[in-house]
PDB file of N, CA and C in Angstrom:
ATOM      1  N   UNK A   1       0.853  -1.239   0.023  1.00  0.00           N
ATOM      2  CA  UNK A   1       0.025  -0.022  -0.024  1.00  0.00           C
ATOM      3  C   UNK A   1       0.861   1.219   0.056  1.00  0.00           C
ATOM      4  N   UNK A   2       0.482   2.321  -0.826  1.00  0.00           N
ATOM      5  CA  UNK A   2       1.345   3.361  -0.941  1.00  0.00           C
ATOM      6  C   UNK A   2       1.174   4.280   0.191  1.00  0.00           C
ATOM      7  N   UNK A   3       2.087   5.049   0.581  1.00  0.00           N
ATOM      8  CA  UNK A   3       2.122   6.049   1.645  1.00  0.00           C
ATOM      9  C   UNK A   3       1.763   7.429   1.173  1.00  0.00           C
ATOM     10  N   UNK A   4       1.022   8.204   1.954  1.00  0.00           N
ATOM     11  CA  UNK A   4       0.791   9.708   1.741  1.00  0.00           C
ATOM     12  C   UNK A   4       1.756  10.539   2.608  1.00  0.00           C
ATOM     13  N   UNK A   5       2.395  11.411   1.973  1.00  0.00           N
ATOM     14  CA  UNK A   5       3.249  12.198   2.630  1.00  0.00           C
ATOM     15  C   UNK A   5       2.598  13.563   2.820  1.00  0.00           C
ATOM     16  N   UNK A   6       2.832  14.370   3.802  1.00  0.00           N
ATOM     17  CA  UNK A   6       2.343  15.676   4.017  1.00  0.00           C
ATOM     18  C   UNK A   6       2.525  16.177   5.460  1.00  0.00           C
ATOM     19  N   UNK A   7       2.118  17.397   5.734  1.00  0.00           N
ATOM     20  CA  UNK A   7       2.311  17.933   7.083  1.00  0.00           C
ATOM     21  C   UNK A   7       1.038  17.838   7.906  1.00  0.00           C
ATOM     22  N   UNK A   8       1.260  17.241   9.221  1.00  0.00           N
ATOM     23  CA  UNK A   8       0.127  17.050  10.223  1.00  0.00           C
ATOM     24  C   UNK A   8      -1.006  16.145   9.485  1.00  0.00           C
ATOM     25  N   UNK A   9      -0.513  15.043   8.777  1.00  0.00           N
ATOM     26  CA  UNK A   9      -1.608  14.198   8.241  1.00  0.00           C
ATOM     27  C   UNK A   9      -2.521  13.510   9.208  1.00  0.00           C
ATOM     28  N   UNK A  10      -3.713  13.381   8.955  1.00  0.00           N
ATOM     29  CA  UNK A  10      -4.576  12.490   9.722  1.00  0.00           C
ATOM     30  C   UNK A  10      -4.752  11.205   9.008  1.00  0.00           C
ATOM     31  N   UNK A  11      -5.603  10.250   9.447  1.00  0.00           N
ATOM     32  CA  UNK A  11      -5.696   8.823   8.892  1.00  0.00           C
ATOM     33  C   UNK A  11      -6.273   8.796   7.607  1.00  0.00           C
ATOM     34  N   UNK A  12      -6.954   9.924   6.977  1.00  0.00           N
ATOM     35  CA  UNK A  12      -7.394  10.027   5.642  1.00  0.00           C
ATOM     36  C   UNK A  12      -6.526  10.814   4.729  1.00  0.00           C
ATOM     37  N   UNK A  13      -5.282  11.208   5.159  1.00  0.00           N
ATOM     38  CA  UNK A  13      -4.365  11.846   4.405  1.00  0.00           C
ATOM     39  C   UNK A  13      -4.616  13.397   4.293  1.00  0.00           C
ATOM     40  N   UNK A  14      -5.457  13.828   5.079  1.00  0.00           N
ATOM     41  CA  UNK A  14      -5.708  15.335   5.092  1.00  0.00           C
ATOM     42  C   UNK A  14      -4.608  16.014   5.768  1.00  0.00           C
ATOM     43  N   UNK A  15      -4.168  17.219   5.377  1.00  0.00           N
ATOM     44  CA  UNK A  15      -2.978  17.840   5.773  1.00  0.00           C
ATOM     45  C   UNK A  15      -3.424  19.153   6.398  1.00  0.00           C
ATOM     46  N   UNK A  16      -2.491  19.994   6.872  1.00  0.00           N
ATOM     47  CA  UNK A  16      -2.635  21.296   7.574  1.00  0.00           C
ATOM     48  C   UNK A  16      -3.300  22.229   6.537  1.00  0.00           C
ATOM     49  N   UNK A  17      -3.144  22.024   5.190  1.00  0.00           N
ATOM     50  CA  UNK A  17      -3.605  23.062   4.297  1.00  0.00           C
ATOM     51  C   UNK A  17      -5.054  22.706   3.874  1.00  0.00           C
ATOM     52  N   UNK A  18      -5.317  21.414   3.738  1.00  0.00           N
ATOM     53  CA  UNK A  18      -6.641  21.005   3.212  1.00  0.00           C
ATOM     54  C   UNK A  18      -7.191  19.986   4.193  1.00  0.00           C
ATOM     55  N   UNK A  19      -8.201  20.278   4.974  1.00  0.00           N
ATOM     56  CA  UNK A  19      -8.557  19.410   6.008  1.00  0.00           C
ATOM     57  C   UNK A  19     -10.082  19.224   6.268  1.00  0.00           C
ATOM     58  N   UNK A  20     -10.830  19.649   5.225  1.00  0.00           N
ATOM     59  CA  UNK A  20     -12.236  19.377   5.204  1.00  0.00           C
ATOM     60  C   UNK A  20     -12.498  17.827   5.183  1.00  0.00           C
ATOM     61  N   UNK A  21     -13.799  17.480   5.416  1.00  0.00           N
ATOM     62  CA  UNK A  21     -14.124  16.084   5.448  1.00  0.00           C
ATOM     63  C   UNK A  21     -13.901  15.436   4.032  1.00  0.00           C
ATOM     64  N   UNK A  22     -14.092  16.225   2.985  1.00  0.00           N
ATOM     65  CA  UNK A  22     -13.933  15.601   1.593  1.00  0.00           C
ATOM     66  C   UNK A  22     -12.609  15.858   0.942  1.00  0.00           C
ATOM     67  N   UNK A  23     -11.715  16.216   1.789  1.00  0.00           N
ATOM     68  CA  UNK A  23     -10.268  16.496   1.240  1.00  0.00           C
ATOM     69  C   UNK A  23      -9.365  15.265   1.486  1.00  0.00           C
ATOM     70  N   UNK A  24      -9.670  14.177   0.694  1.00  0.00           N
ATOM     71  CA  UNK A  24      -9.021  12.979   0.840  1.00  0.00           C
ATOM     72  C   UNK A  24      -8.255  12.489  -0.292  1.00  0.00           C
ATOM     73  N   UNK A  25      -7.963  13.276  -1.216  1.00  0.00           N
ATOM     74  CA  UNK A  25      -7.180  12.996  -2.402  1.00  0.00           C
ATOM     75  C   UNK A  25      -5.712  13.207  -2.262  1.00  0.00           C
ATOM     76  N   UNK A  26      -4.830  12.211  -2.533  1.00  0.00           N
ATOM     77  CA  UNK A  26      -3.537  12.511  -2.587  1.00  0.00           C
ATOM     78  C   UNK A  26      -2.971  12.394  -4.138  1.00  0.00           C
ATOM     79  N   UNK A  27      -2.009  13.239  -4.398  1.00  0.00           N
ATOM     80  CA  UNK A  27      -1.622  13.316  -5.803  1.00  0.00           C
ATOM     81  C   UNK A  27      -0.101  12.896  -5.944  1.00  0.00           C
ATOM     82  N   UNK A  28       0.423  12.372  -6.932  1.00  0.00           N
ATOM     83  CA  UNK A  28       1.670  11.807  -7.123  1.00  0.00           C
ATOM     84  C   UNK A  28       2.568  12.965  -7.886  1.00  0.00           C
ATOM     85  N   UNK A  29       3.729  13.143  -7.363  1.00  0.00           N
ATOM     86  CA  UNK A  29       4.541  13.923  -8.045  1.00  0.00           C
ATOM     87  C   UNK A  29       5.425  13.196  -9.060  1.00  0.00           C
ATOM     88  N   UNK A  30       5.475  13.646 -10.395  1.00  0.00           N
ATOM     89  CA  UNK A  30       6.223  13.025 -11.440  1.00  0.00           C
ATOM     90  C   UNK A  30       7.665  12.704 -11.045  1.00  0.00           C
ATOM     91  N   UNK A  31       8.397  13.696 -10.505  1.00  0.00           N
ATOM     92  CA  UNK A  31       9.726  13.616 -10.201  1.00  0.00           C
ATOM     93  C   UNK A  31      10.001  12.614  -9.153  1.00  0.00           C
ATOM     94  N   UNK A  32       9.460  12.620  -7.975  1.00  0.00           N
ATOM     95  CA  UNK A  32       9.801  11.783  -6.785  1.00  0.00           C
ATOM     96  C   UNK A  32       9.034  10.558  -6.804  1.00  0.00           C
ATOM     97  N   UNK A  33       7.862  10.532  -7.567  1.00  0.00           N
ATOM     98  CA  UNK A  33       6.996   9.304  -7.753  1.00  0.00           C
ATOM     99  C   UNK A  33       6.463   8.959  -6.140  1.00  0.00           C
ATOM    100  N   UNK A  34       6.105   9.950  -5.314  1.00  0.00           N
ATOM    101  CA  UNK A  34       5.416   9.820  -4.138  1.00  0.00           C
ATOM    102  C   UNK A  34       4.198  10.425  -4.090  1.00  0.00           C
ATOM    103  N   UNK A  35       3.123  10.051  -3.319  1.00  0.00           N
ATOM    104  CA  UNK A  35       1.890  10.673  -3.049  1.00  0.00           C
ATOM    105  C   UNK A  35       2.013  11.691  -1.924  1.00  0.00           C
ATOM    106  N   UNK A  36       1.423  12.888  -2.227  1.00  0.00           N
ATOM    107  CA  UNK A  36       1.411  14.007  -1.283  1.00  0.00           C
ATOM    108  C   UNK A  36       0.065  14.486  -1.083  1.00  0.00           C
ATOM    109  N   UNK A  37      -0.220  14.851   0.227  1.00  0.00           N
ATOM    110  CA  UNK A  37      -1.701  15.404   0.531  1.00  0.00           C
ATOM    111  C   UNK A  37      -1.997  16.713  -0.318  1.00  0.00           C
ATOM    112  N   UNK A  38      -0.944  17.452  -0.733  1.00  0.00           N
ATOM    113  CA  UNK A  38      -1.123  18.503  -1.533  1.00  0.00           C
ATOM    114  C   UNK A  38       0.242  19.053  -2.045  1.00  0.00           C
ATOM    115  N   UNK A  39       0.247  19.855  -2.894  1.00  0.00           N
ATOM    116  CA  UNK A  39       1.540  20.416  -3.690  1.00  0.00           C
ATOM    117  C   UNK A  39       2.138  21.321  -2.644  1.00  0.00           C
ATOM    118  N   UNK A  40       1.463  21.988  -1.643  1.00  0.00           N
ATOM    119  CA  UNK A  40       2.210  22.981  -0.721  1.00  0.00           C
ATOM    120  C   UNK A  40       2.988  22.033   0.319  1.00  0.00           C
ATOM    121  N   UNK A  41       2.307  20.979   0.676  1.00  0.00           N
ATOM    122  CA  UNK A  41       3.162  20.019   1.539  1.00  0.00           C
ATOM    123  C   UNK A  41       4.479  19.526   0.838  1.00  0.00           C
ATOM    124  N   UNK A  42       4.147  19.031  -0.350  1.00  0.00           N
ATOM    125  CA  UNK A  42       5.327  18.563  -1.217  1.00  0.00           C
ATOM    126  C   UNK A  42       6.419  19.662  -1.271  1.00  0.00           C
ATOM    127  N   UNK A  43       6.161  20.850  -1.677  1.00  0.00           N
ATOM    128  CA  UNK A  43       7.095  21.962  -1.838  1.00  0.00           C
ATOM    129  C   UNK A  43       7.799  22.253  -0.652  1.00  0.00           C
ATOM    130  N   UNK A  44       7.067  22.056   0.594  1.00  0.00           N
ATOM    131  CA  UNK A  44       7.807  22.298   1.894  1.00  0.00           C
ATOM    132  C   UNK A  44       8.772  21.165   2.240  1.00  0.00           C
ATOM    133  N   UNK A  45       8.316  20.000   2.008  1.00  0.00           N
ATOM    134  CA  UNK A  45       9.205  18.968   2.345  1.00  0.00           C
ATOM    135  C   UNK A  45      10.168  18.463   1.492  1.00  0.00           C
ATOM    136  N   UNK A  46      10.042  18.728   0.246  1.00  0.00           N
ATOM    137  CA  UNK A  46      11.004  18.360  -0.781  1.00  0.00           C
ATOM    138  C   UNK A  46      11.954  19.438  -1.245  1.00  0.00           C
ATOM    139  N   UNK A  47      13.017  19.100  -1.964  1.00  0.00           N
ATOM    140  CA  UNK A  47      14.043  20.221  -2.543  1.00  0.00           C
ATOM    141  C   UNK A  47      13.704  20.578  -3.905  1.00  0.00           C
ATOM    142  N   UNK A  48      12.703  19.963  -4.346  1.00  0.00           N
ATOM    143  CA  UNK A  48      12.233  20.363  -5.848  1.00  0.00           C
ATOM    144  C   UNK A  48      10.648  20.589  -5.767  1.00  0.00           C
ATOM    145  N   UNK A  49      10.092  21.421  -6.761  1.00  0.00           N
ATOM    146  CA  UNK A  49       8.760  21.804  -6.765  1.00  0.00           C
ATOM    147  C   UNK A  49       7.984  20.520  -7.255  1.00  0.00           C
ATOM    148  N   UNK A  50       6.718  20.449  -6.821  1.00  0.00           N
ATOM    149  CA  UNK A  50       5.751  19.479  -7.396  1.00  0.00           C
ATOM    150  C   UNK A  50       5.780  19.509  -8.989  1.00  0.00           C
ATOM    151  N   UNK A  51       5.925  18.275  -9.531  1.00  0.00           N
ATOM    152  CA  UNK A  51       5.848  18.099 -11.086  1.00  0.00           C
ATOM    153  C   UNK A  51       4.599  17.335 -11.287  1.00  0.00           C
ATOM    154  N   UNK A  52       3.723  17.859 -12.302  1.00  0.00           N
ATOM    155  CA  UNK A  52       2.510  17.319 -12.527  1.00  0.00           C
ATOM    156  C   UNK A  52       2.722  15.956 -13.398  1.00  0.00           C
ATOM    157  N   UNK A  53       1.679  15.111 -13.192  1.00  0.00           N
ATOM    158  CA  UNK A  53       1.600  13.752 -13.861  1.00  0.00           C
ATOM    159  C   UNK A  53       0.739  13.844 -15.096  1.00  0.00           C
ATOM    160  N   UNK A  54       0.809  13.096 -16.094  1.00  0.00           N
ATOM    161  CA  UNK A  54      -0.035  12.809 -17.320  1.00  0.00           C
ATOM    162  C   UNK A  54      -1.321  12.193 -16.713  1.00  0.00           C
ATOM    163  N   UNK A  55      -2.449  12.692 -17.242  1.00  0.00           N
ATOM    164  CA  UNK A  55      -3.939  12.329 -16.864  1.00  0.00           C
ATOM    165  C   UNK A  55      -4.026  10.625 -17.078  1.00  0.00           C
ATOM    166  N   UNK A  56      -3.259  10.194 -18.039  1.00  0.00           N
ATOM    167  CA  UNK A  56      -3.370   8.663 -18.205  1.00  0.00           C
ATOM    168  C   UNK A  56      -2.625   7.846 -17.292  1.00  0.00           C
ATOM    169  N   UNK A  57      -1.677   8.475 -16.468  1.00  0.00           N
ATOM    170  CA  UNK A  57      -1.010   7.801 -15.399  1.00  0.00           C
ATOM    171  C   UNK A  57      -1.708   7.587 -14.219  1.00  0.00           C
ATOM    172  N   UNK A  58      -1.525   6.497 -13.475  1.00  0.00           N
ATOM    173  CA  UNK A  58      -1.894   6.214 -12.067  1.00  0.00           C
ATOM    174  C   UNK A  58      -1.280   7.238 -11.183  1.00  0.00           C
ATOM    175  N   UNK A  59      -2.004   8.155 -10.636  1.00  0.00           N
ATOM    176  CA  UNK A  59      -1.250   9.292  -9.931  1.00  0.00           C
ATOM    177  C   UNK A  59      -2.174   9.920  -8.855  1.00  0.00           C
ATOM    178  N   UNK A  60      -3.262   9.398  -8.633  1.00  0.00           N
ATOM    179  CA  UNK A  60      -4.205   9.931  -7.647  1.00  0.00           C
ATOM    180  C   UNK A  60      -4.643   8.778  -6.700  1.00  0.00           C
ATOM    181  N   UNK A  61      -4.701   9.045  -5.256  1.00  0.00           N
ATOM    182  CA  UNK A  61      -5.250   7.960  -4.421  1.00  0.00           C
ATOM    183  C   UNK A  61      -6.143   8.561  -3.439  1.00  0.00           C
ATOM    184  N   UNK A  62      -7.100   7.799  -3.192  1.00  0.00           N
ATOM    185  CA  UNK A  62      -8.163   8.072  -2.156  1.00  0.00           C
ATOM    186  C   UNK A  62      -7.500   7.815  -0.868  1.00  0.00           C
ATOM    187  N   UNK A  63      -7.678   8.884   0.069  1.00  0.00           N
ATOM    188  CA  UNK A  63      -6.948   8.699   1.263  1.00  0.00           C
ATOM    189  C   UNK A  63      -7.885   7.930   2.336  1.00  0.00           C
ATOM    190  N   UNK A  64      -9.017   7.677   1.978  1.00  0.00           N
ATOM    191  CA  UNK A  64      -9.961   6.927   2.791  1.00  0.00           C
ATOM    192  C   UNK A  64      -9.737   5.444   2.663  1.00  0.00           C
ATOM    193  N   UNK A  65      -9.592   4.835   1.421  1.00  0.00           N
ATOM    194  CA  UNK A  65      -9.499   3.466   1.162  1.00  0.00           C
ATOM    195  C   UNK A  65      -8.169   3.103   0.389  1.00  0.00           C
ATOM    196  N   UNK A  66      -7.369   4.229  -0.077  1.00  0.00           N
ATOM    197  CA  UNK A  66      -6.109   4.014  -0.708  1.00  0.00           C
ATOM    198  C   UNK A  66      -6.194   3.360  -2.167  1.00  0.00           C
ATOM    199  N   UNK A  67      -7.418   3.536  -2.824  1.00  0.00           N
ATOM    200  CA  UNK A  67      -7.568   3.151  -4.112  1.00  0.00           C
ATOM    201  C   UNK A  67      -6.705   4.105  -5.057  1.00  0.00           C
ATOM    202  N   UNK A  68      -6.004   3.531  -5.837  1.00  0.00           N
ATOM    203  CA  UNK A  68      -5.215   4.387  -6.798  1.00  0.00           C
ATOM    204  C   UNK A  68      -5.921   4.403  -8.159  1.00  0.00           C
ATOM    205  N   UNK A  69      -5.764   5.504  -8.757  1.00  0.00           N
ATOM    206  CA  UNK A  69      -6.479   5.709 -10.069  1.00  0.00           C
ATOM    207  C   UNK A  69      -5.703   6.729 -10.988  1.00  0.00           C
ATOM    208  N   UNK A  70      -6.127   6.711 -12.328  1.00  0.00           N
ATOM    209  CA  UNK A  70      -5.532   7.747 -13.124  1.00  0.00           C
ATOM    210  C   UNK A  70      -6.149   8.988 -12.981  1.00  0.00           C
ATOM    211  N   UNK A  71      -5.594  10.094 -13.378  1.00  0.00           N
ATOM    212  CA  UNK A  71      -6.182  11.363 -13.374  1.00  0.00           C
ATOM    213  C   UNK A  71      -7.450  11.461 -14.169  1.00  0.00           C
ATOM    214  N   UNK A  72      -7.571  10.663 -15.272  1.00  0.00           N
ATOM    215  CA  UNK A  72      -8.757  10.732 -16.141  1.00  0.00           C
ATOM    216  C   UNK A  72      -9.785  10.026 -15.327  1.00  0.00           C
ATOM    217  N   UNK A  73      -9.581   9.036 -14.628  1.00  0.00           N
ATOM    218  CA  UNK A  73     -10.675   8.250 -13.844  1.00  0.00           C
ATOM    219  C   UNK A  73     -11.106   9.190 -12.639  1.00  0.00           C
ATOM    220  N   UNK A  74     -10.108   9.950 -11.987  1.00  0.00           N
ATOM    221  CA  UNK A  74     -10.488  10.684 -10.859  1.00  0.00           C
ATOM    222  C   UNK A  74     -11.236  12.001 -11.345  1.00  0.00           C
ATOM    223  N   UNK A  75     -10.955  12.584 -12.444  1.00  0.00           N
ATOM    224  CA  UNK A  75     -11.882  13.727 -12.822  1.00  0.00           C
ATOM    225  C   UNK A  75     -13.266  13.465 -13.147  1.00  0.00           C
ATOM    226  N   UNK A  76     -13.428  12.106 -13.415  1.00  0.00           N
ATOM    227  CA  UNK A  76     -14.772  11.621 -13.759  1.00  0.00           C
ATOM    228  C   UNK A  76     -15.695  11.406 -12.557  1.00  0.00           C
ATOM    229  N   UNK A  77     -15.064  11.373 -11.299  1.00  0.00           N
ATOM    230  CA  UNK A  77     -15.755  11.019 -10.148  1.00  0.00           C
ATOM    231  C   UNK A  77     -16.146  12.292  -9.240  1.00  0.00           C
ATOM    232  N   UNK A  78     -17.220  11.964  -8.420  1.00  0.00           N
ATOM    233  CA  UNK A  78     -17.348  12.885  -7.382  1.00  0.00           C
ATOM    234  C   UNK A  78     -17.233  12.206  -6.080  1.00  0.00           C
ATOM    235  N   UNK A  79     -17.260  10.838  -6.121  1.00  0.00           N
ATOM    236  CA  UNK A  79     -17.092   9.897  -4.917  1.00  0.00           C
ATOM    237  C   UNK A  79     -15.973   8.900  -5.410  1.00  0.00           C
ATOM    238  N   UNK A  80     -15.263   8.375  -4.487  1.00  0.00           N
ATOM    239  CA  UNK A  80     -14.346   7.219  -4.647  1.00  0.00           C
ATOM    240  C   UNK A  80     -15.215   6.022  -5.194  1.00  0.00           C
ATOM    241  N   UNK A  81     -14.866   5.376  -6.356  1.00  0.00           N
ATOM    242  CA  UNK A  81     -15.470   4.354  -6.967  1.00  0.00           C
ATOM    243  C   UNK A  81     -15.471   3.141  -6.120  1.00  0.00           C
ATOM    244  N   UNK A  82     -14.513   3.072  -5.284  1.00  0.00           N
ATOM    245  CA  UNK A  82     -14.284   1.877  -4.343  1.00  0.00           C
ATOM    246  C   UNK A  82     -15.111   2.051  -3.010  1.00  0.00           C
ATOM    247  N   UNK A  83     -14.715   3.073  -2.274  1.00  0.00           N
ATOM    248  CA  UNK A  83     -15.337   3.224  -0.856  1.00  0.00           C
ATOM    249  C   UNK A  83     -16.507   4.263  -0.761  1.00  0.00           C
ATOM    250  N   UNK A  84     -16.740   4.968  -1.894  1.00  0.00           N
ATOM    251  CA  UNK A  84     -17.767   5.920  -2.174  1.00  0.00           C
ATOM    252  C   UNK A  84     -17.594   7.306  -1.150  1.00  0.00           C
ATOM    253  N   UNK A  85     -16.487   7.455  -0.789  1.00  0.00           N
ATOM    254  CA  UNK A  85     -16.131   8.598  -0.042  1.00  0.00           C
ATOM    255  C   UNK A  85     -16.286   9.839  -0.761  1.00  0.00           C
ATOM    256  N   UNK A  86     -16.898  10.942  -0.392  1.00  0.00           N
ATOM    257  CA  UNK A  86     -16.988  12.166  -1.324  1.00  0.00           C
ATOM    258  C   UNK A  86     -15.635  12.730  -1.508  1.00  0.00           C
ATOM    259  N   UNK A  87     -15.425  13.283  -2.736  1.00  0.00           N
ATOM    260  CA  UNK A  87     -14.291  14.025  -3.140  1.00  0.00           C
ATOM    261  C   UNK A  87     -14.494  15.570  -3.088  1.00  0.00           C
ATOM    262  N   UNK A  88     -13.630  16.385  -2.855  1.00  0.00           N
ATOM    263  CA  UNK A  88     -13.834  17.853  -2.802  1.00  0.00           C
ATOM    264  C   UNK A  88     -14.307  18.242  -4.362  1.00  0.00           C
ATOM    265  N   UNK A  89     -15.508  18.895  -4.468  1.00  0.00           N
ATOM    266  CA  UNK A  89     -15.820  19.194  -5.630  1.00  0.00           C
ATOM    267  C   UNK A  89     -15.040  20.405  -6.380  1.00  0.00           C
ATOM    268  N   UNK A  90     -14.384  21.136  -5.542  1.00  0.00           N
ATOM    269  CA  UNK A  90     -13.493  22.254  -5.996  1.00  0.00           C
ATOM    270  C   UNK A  90     -12.065  21.881  -6.459  1.00  0.00           C
ATOM    271  N   UNK A  91     -11.689  20.654  -6.315  1.00  0.00           N
ATOM    272  CA  UNK A  91     -10.366  20.246  -6.710  1.00  0.00           C
ATOM    273  C   UNK A  91      -9.881  20.503  -8.171  1.00  0.00           C
ATOM    274  N   UNK A  92     -10.973  20.647  -8.980  1.00  0.00           N
ATOM    275  CA  UNK A  92     -10.728  20.882 -10.447  1.00  0.00           C
ATOM    276  C   UNK A  92      -9.971  22.298 -10.462  1.00  0.00           C
ATOM    277  N   UNK A  93     -10.131  23.145  -9.508  1.00  0.00           N
ATOM    278  CA  UNK A  93      -9.582  24.367  -9.751  1.00  0.00           C
ATOM    279  C   UNK A  93      -7.993  24.357  -9.612  1.00  0.00           C
ATOM    280  N   UNK A  94      -7.488  23.134  -9.101  1.00  0.00           N
ATOM    281  CA  UNK A  94      -5.939  22.981  -9.049  1.00  0.00           C
ATOM    282  C   UNK A  94      -5.573  21.994 -10.044  1.00  0.00           C
ATOM    283  N   UNK A  95      -6.220  21.795 -11.080  1.00  0.00           N
ATOM    284  CA  UNK A  95      -5.924  20.654 -12.255  1.00  0.00           C
ATOM    285  C   UNK A  95      -4.791  21.072 -12.791  1.00  0.00           C
ATOM    286  N   UNK A  96      -4.251  22.237 -12.978  1.00  0.00           N
ATOM    287  CA  UNK A  96      -3.110  22.596 -13.722  1.00  0.00           C
ATOM    288  C   UNK A  96      -1.854  22.346 -12.821  1.00  0.00           C
ATOM    289  N   UNK A  97      -2.046  22.203 -11.501  1.00  0.00           N
ATOM    290  CA  UNK A  97      -0.878  21.906 -10.564  1.00  0.00           C
ATOM    291  C   UNK A  97      -0.524  20.425 -10.613  1.00  0.00           C
ATOM    292  N   UNK A  98      -1.514  19.531 -10.628  1.00  0.00           N
ATOM    293  CA  UNK A  98      -1.345  18.179 -10.573  1.00  0.00           C
ATOM    294  C   UNK A  98      -1.392  17.351 -11.893  1.00  0.00           C
ATOM    295  N   UNK A  99      -1.816  17.984 -12.892  1.00  0.00           N
ATOM    296  CA  UNK A  99      -1.913  17.198 -14.225  1.00  0.00           C
ATOM    297  C   UNK A  99      -1.478  17.905 -15.480  1.00  0.00           C
ATOM    298  N   UNK A 100      -0.821  17.254 -16.273  1.00  0.00           N
ATOM    299  CA  UNK A 100      -0.324  17.918 -17.535  1.00  0.00           C
ATOM    300  C   UNK A 100      -0.963  17.331 -18.842  1.00  0.00           C
TER     301      UNK A 100
END
């Protein structure tokens, strides 16, 4: 099972930056190939800036059940396809940070 990295994480992978009940998505950085709660956590903890992944790559993980999916699969969902946990409906505002 993949690990989620971030600052002050809870059991669902929510960090100090994004911590509402539906903030359960972790995104993978292309350069370090690790999941982070958010790009802000990544950029604080790493020596390089967050590098986006291609939409066709497995790069998104549900923090509730740890299901991994492609960016394409993720953007088609409002809930996790496995555990049905609600996703933040405003995450699409950060699309250009996480996906290329």
